[in-house]
């Protein structure tokens, strides 16, 4: 199952990677109503978040702000950050000049006090990081006791299948880096990710002070099969492997 780009190819070239500034507008425009984002990731995150009215939520790696906007429309007070300056600029255009948006990197200490958020959303962010220890500790720090961390990451089994189809040796039980080129709106970018087995994820969550409340492999949102007939398998549910979703409770 392909990811968000219009096209992709596995690459071994360790050039400049994950430079969203180089194709922020094309990426944002291409994913507004895409299968993977508009009809899969965002609906799944919002379903897991549930009723967020009155809750203070941090959107980690907020990109151009579609999840932040949806949460705000549902009554939440939302703050967000991204490491891409241009993505934050796009998010500010979407959310308004007074939106609580910052340029920050999850690999470093975050610019928020302890225990200020009811929920943290980390959608498609952690799989860019080799070591989750310090980032998860920071997310736990900014959450209130009993607060929720809602996560979406690459599904490790799907990555193994893709790597093997591309002719690469791949061990499900290993933690390893892989990369590929994305082409979106005529712009090509080199992307780099880290995959790890499910037990390594849950072990990291537990060590950081979280209790795993939900592990989800959701189907796409209603209407996806009709809108994307060539992208979904011929099954009654239209389900496919792409990402894993978690709801974690701060202990």
Protein backbone atom coordinates (compact mmCIF):
# COMPACT_ATOMS: atom_id res chain seq x y z
CA UNK A 1 0.00 0.00 0.00
CA UNK A 2 1.68 3.27 -1.03
CA UNK A 3 2.08 6.12 1.43
CA UNK A 4 1.20 9.78 0.93
CA UNK A 5 3.38 10.67 -2.08
CA UNK A 6 2.19 10.46 -5.65
CA UNK A 7 5.13 8.15 -6.30
CA UNK A 8 7.99 6.71 -4.29
CA UNK A 9 11.07 4.59 -4.75
CA UNK A 10 13.32 2.92 -2.20
CA UNK A 11 16.73 4.58 -2.03
CA UNK A 12 20.02 3.96 -0.26
CA UNK A 13 21.35 7.52 -0.80
CA UNK A 14 21.91 9.23 2.59
CA UNK A 15 21.45 12.74 1.19
CA UNK A 16 19.62 15.56 2.98
CA UNK A 17 16.48 13.90 4.31
CA UNK A 18 13.03 14.83 5.57
CA UNK A 19 13.28 18.40 4.31
CA UNK A 20 9.60 19.32 4.37
CA UNK A 21 10.47 22.96 3.74
CA UNK A 22 11.43 21.97 0.19
CA UNK A 23 7.93 20.74 -0.72
CA UNK A 24 5.62 21.91 2.07
CA UNK A 25 2.93 23.44 -0.13
CA UNK A 26 2.82 20.48 -2.54
CA UNK A 27 2.72 18.01 0.36
CA UNK A 28 -0.05 19.89 2.16
CA UNK A 29 -2.19 20.32 -0.96
CA UNK A 30 -1.76 16.71 -2.02
CA UNK A 31 -2.83 15.33 1.34
CA UNK A 32 -5.91 17.40 2.09
CA UNK A 33 -8.27 14.75 0.73
CA UNK A 34 -5.89 11.86 0.00
CA UNK A 35 -6.70 8.29 0.93
CA UNK A 36 -3.84 7.93 3.43
CA UNK A 37 -4.39 11.26 5.19
CA UNK A 38 -7.90 12.52 4.49
CA UNK A 39 -9.65 9.15 4.60
CA UNK A 40 -7.42 7.13 6.92
CA UNK A 41 -5.01 8.84 9.34
CA UNK A 42 -6.99 11.94 10.30
CA UNK A 43 -10.35 10.16 10.71
CA UNK A 44 -8.69 7.45 12.80
CA UNK A 45 -6.96 9.98 15.06
CA UNK A 46 -10.17 11.95 15.54
CA UNK A 47 -12.16 8.78 16.28
CA UNK A 48 -9.63 7.77 18.93
CA UNK A 49 -9.63 11.27 20.44
CA UNK A 50 -13.43 11.21 20.80
CA UNK A 51 -15.11 14.13 22.55
CA UNK A 52 -12.41 16.77 22.96
CA UNK A 53 -14.56 19.77 23.87
CA UNK A 54 -12.81 21.81 26.56
CA UNK A 55 -9.60 19.77 26.41
CA UNK A 56 -6.17 21.31 25.87
CA UNK A 57 -4.32 19.36 23.18
CA UNK A 58 -0.79 19.47 21.75
CA UNK A 59 -0.43 18.57 18.07
CA UNK A 60 3.11 17.22 17.64
CA UNK A 61 4.50 17.63 14.13
CA UNK A 62 1.39 19.57 13.23
CA UNK A 63 2.38 20.11 9.60
CA UNK A 64 0.01 22.54 7.89
CA UNK A 65 -2.52 22.08 10.69
CA UNK A 66 -5.36 19.85 9.43
CA UNK A 67 -5.61 17.83 12.65
CA UNK A 68 -5.30 20.98 14.77
CA UNK A 69 -8.13 22.58 12.79
CA UNK A 70 -10.38 19.55 13.18
CA UNK A 71 -9.73 19.36 16.93
CA UNK A 72 -10.42 23.06 17.33
CA UNK A 73 -13.67 22.70 15.38
CA UNK A 74 -14.65 20.05 17.95
CA UNK A 75 -14.13 22.45 20.85
CA UNK A 76 -10.54 21.76 21.91
CA UNK A 77 -7.91 24.37 22.72
CA UNK A 78 -4.99 23.40 20.50
CA UNK A 79 -1.28 24.16 20.47
CA UNK A 80 1.02 22.78 17.80
CA UNK A 81 4.61 22.65 16.68
CA UNK A 82 6.62 21.40 13.74
CA UNK A 83 10.29 21.41 12.82
CA UNK A 84 9.48 22.77 9.35
CA UNK A 85 9.26 26.55 9.20
CA UNK A 86 7.19 26.48 6.03
CA UNK A 87 4.77 23.94 7.47
CA UNK A 88 4.20 26.20 10.48
CA UNK A 89 3.61 29.13 8.12
CA UNK A 90 0.94 27.09 6.30
CA UNK A 91 -0.61 26.07 9.62
CA UNK A 92 -0.80 29.72 10.69
CA UNK A 93 -2.58 30.60 7.44
CA UNK A 94 -5.10 27.84 8.16
CA UNK A 95 -5.58 28.50 11.87
CA UNK A 96 -5.11 32.25 12.05
CA UNK A 97 -2.38 34.60 13.29
CA UNK A 98 -3.24 34.07 16.95
CA UNK A 99 -2.88 30.29 16.81
CA UNK A 100 -0.48 28.80 19.39
CA UNK A 101 2.09 27.46 16.92
CA UNK A 102 5.84 27.11 17.35
CA UNK A 103 8.87 25.82 15.47
CA UNK A 104 10.32 23.03 17.58
CA UNK A 105 11.90 19.60 17.22
CA UNK A 106 10.72 16.54 19.15
CA UNK A 107 14.35 15.46 19.36
CA UNK A 108 15.00 18.35 21.78
CA UNK A 109 13.31 19.70 24.95
CA UNK A 110 9.90 21.17 24.17
CA UNK A 111 8.93 24.80 24.90
CA UNK A 112 5.98 23.93 27.17
CA UNK A 113 5.60 23.73 30.97
CA UNK A 114 5.03 20.48 32.83
CA UNK A 115 1.56 18.96 32.89
CA UNK A 116 -0.31 21.50 30.76
CA UNK A 117 -2.04 19.25 28.19
CA UNK A 118 -4.96 16.86 28.53
CA UNK A 119 -3.97 15.09 25.29
CA UNK A 120 -1.00 14.94 22.96
CA UNK A 121 -1.41 13.88 19.33
CA UNK A 122 1.71 12.48 17.63
CA UNK A 123 0.50 11.44 14.18
CA UNK A 124 3.22 10.05 11.89
CA UNK A 125 6.06 11.61 13.85
CA UNK A 126 7.82 9.01 16.00
CA UNK A 127 8.87 6.86 13.04
CA UNK A 128 11.34 9.61 12.03
CA UNK A 129 13.29 9.00 15.27
CA UNK A 130 15.82 6.29 16.05
CA UNK A 131 15.60 6.63 19.83
CA UNK A 132 12.20 7.26 21.43
CA UNK A 133 13.46 7.57 25.03
CA UNK A 134 13.89 11.34 25.37
CA UNK A 135 11.00 12.28 23.04
CA UNK A 136 8.52 10.11 24.93
CA UNK A 137 9.81 11.49 28.23
CA UNK A 138 9.11 15.02 26.96
CA UNK A 139 5.60 14.08 25.84
CA UNK A 140 4.94 12.49 29.22
CA UNK A 141 6.29 15.61 30.95
CA UNK A 142 3.88 18.02 29.24
CA UNK A 143 0.85 15.78 29.86
CA UNK A 144 -1.33 15.99 32.94
CA UNK A 145 -1.48 12.81 35.06
CA UNK A 146 -4.00 10.55 33.36
CA UNK A 147 -3.64 12.47 30.09
CA UNK A 148 -3.59 10.67 26.76
CA UNK A 149 -0.91 10.32 24.11
CA UNK A 150 -2.50 9.34 20.77
CA UNK A 151 0.04 7.99 18.30
CA UNK A 152 0.13 6.90 14.68
CA UNK A 153 3.28 5.27 13.31
CA UNK A 154 4.32 3.14 10.35
CA UNK A 155 3.03 -0.41 10.71
CA UNK A 156 6.22 -2.49 11.05
CA UNK A 157 4.83 -5.51 9.22
CA UNK A 158 3.82 -3.35 6.25
CA UNK A 159 7.32 -1.88 6.10
CA UNK A 160 8.85 -5.36 6.11
CA UNK A 161 6.62 -6.37 3.20
CA UNK A 162 7.53 -3.24 1.23
CA UNK A 163 11.24 -3.72 1.84
CA UNK A 164 11.13 -7.35 0.77
CA UNK A 165 9.14 -6.47 -2.36
CA UNK A 166 11.91 -3.97 -3.18
CA UNK A 167 14.51 -6.74 -2.87
CA UNK A 168 15.97 -5.73 0.50
CA UNK A 169 16.61 -8.08 3.40
CA UNK A 170 14.30 -7.09 6.24
CA UNK A 171 13.97 -8.48 9.75
CA UNK A 172 10.66 -7.69 11.47
CA UNK A 173 12.30 -7.96 14.89
CA UNK A 174 15.07 -5.45 14.14
CA UNK A 175 15.06 -1.69 14.60
CA UNK A 176 16.48 -0.25 11.40
CA UNK A 177 16.55 2.78 9.14
CA UNK A 178 15.11 2.85 5.63
CA UNK A 179 14.67 5.59 3.08
CA UNK A 180 12.90 6.41 -0.14
CA UNK A 181 12.25 9.25 -2.53
CA UNK A 182 8.83 10.89 -2.50
CA UNK A 183 7.47 12.80 -5.46
CA UNK A 184 4.63 15.17 -4.67
CA UNK A 185 3.33 17.89 -6.98
CA UNK A 186 6.42 17.60 -9.16
CA UNK A 187 8.78 17.99 -6.19
CA UNK A 188 11.08 15.14 -5.12
CA UNK A 189 12.35 14.73 -1.56
CA UNK A 190 14.52 12.17 0.16
CA UNK A 191 12.76 10.70 3.20
CA UNK A 192 14.24 8.60 6.01
CA UNK A 193 12.42 6.55 8.66
CA UNK A 194 13.03 4.12 11.50
CA UNK A 195 10.94 1.00 11.94
CA UNK A 196 10.77 -1.27 14.97
CA UNK A 197 8.65 -4.26 16.02
CA UNK A 198 5.45 -3.83 17.99
CA UNK A 199 6.97 -5.11 21.24
CA UNK A 200 9.76 -2.50 21.01
CA UNK A 201 7.11 0.22 20.70
CA UNK A 202 5.07 -0.96 23.67
CA UNK A 203 8.21 -1.47 25.76
CA UNK A 204 9.23 2.13 25.02
CA UNK A 205 5.78 3.43 25.96
CA UNK A 206 5.82 1.53 29.24
CA UNK A 207 9.34 2.69 30.12
CA UNK A 208 8.27 6.31 29.53
CA UNK A 209 5.38 6.04 31.98
CA UNK A 210 2.46 5.21 29.72
CA UNK A 211 -0.16 2.49 29.89
CA UNK A 212 -1.30 1.14 26.53
CA UNK A 213 -5.09 1.50 26.45
CA UNK A 214 -5.75 0.91 22.73
CA UNK A 215 -3.91 -0.59 19.75
CA UNK A 216 -5.85 0.00 16.55
CA UNK A 217 -5.57 -1.11 12.91
CA UNK A 218 -8.58 0.81 11.57
CA UNK A 219 -10.34 0.57 8.22
CA UNK A 220 -10.50 3.67 6.04
CA UNK A 221 -13.28 6.19 6.57
CA UNK A 222 -16.70 5.69 4.94
CA UNK A 223 -16.67 6.61 1.28
CA UNK A 224 -13.04 5.71 0.69
CA UNK A 225 -13.79 2.64 -1.41
CA UNK A 226 -15.96 4.67 -3.76
CA UNK A 227 -13.47 7.53 -4.05
CA UNK A 228 -10.36 5.36 -4.42
CA UNK A 229 -11.52 2.14 -6.16
CA UNK A 230 -8.07 1.44 -7.61
CA UNK A 231 -6.19 1.97 -4.34
CA UNK A 232 -8.04 -0.42 -2.04
CA UNK A 233 -7.95 -4.21 -2.06
CA UNK A 234 -11.01 -6.13 -3.18
CA UNK A 235 -12.25 -7.03 0.28
CA UNK A 236 -15.61 -6.28 1.95
CA UNK A 237 -14.04 -3.92 4.50
CA UNK A 238 -11.49 -2.29 2.22
CA UNK A 239 -9.02 -2.60 5.12
CA UNK A 240 -5.29 -2.47 4.54
CA UNK A 241 -2.08 -2.40 6.57
CA UNK A 242 -0.42 1.01 6.70
CA UNK A 243 -0.13 2.53 10.18
CA UNK A 244 -0.55 1.43 13.80
CA UNK A 245 -2.56 3.66 16.14
CA UNK A 246 -2.22 3.77 19.93
CA UNK A 247 -4.00 5.46 22.80
CA UNK A 248 -1.62 5.68 25.76
CA UNK A 249 -2.48 6.92 29.23
CA UNK A 250 0.04 8.80 31.36
CA UNK A 251 0.47 6.95 34.64
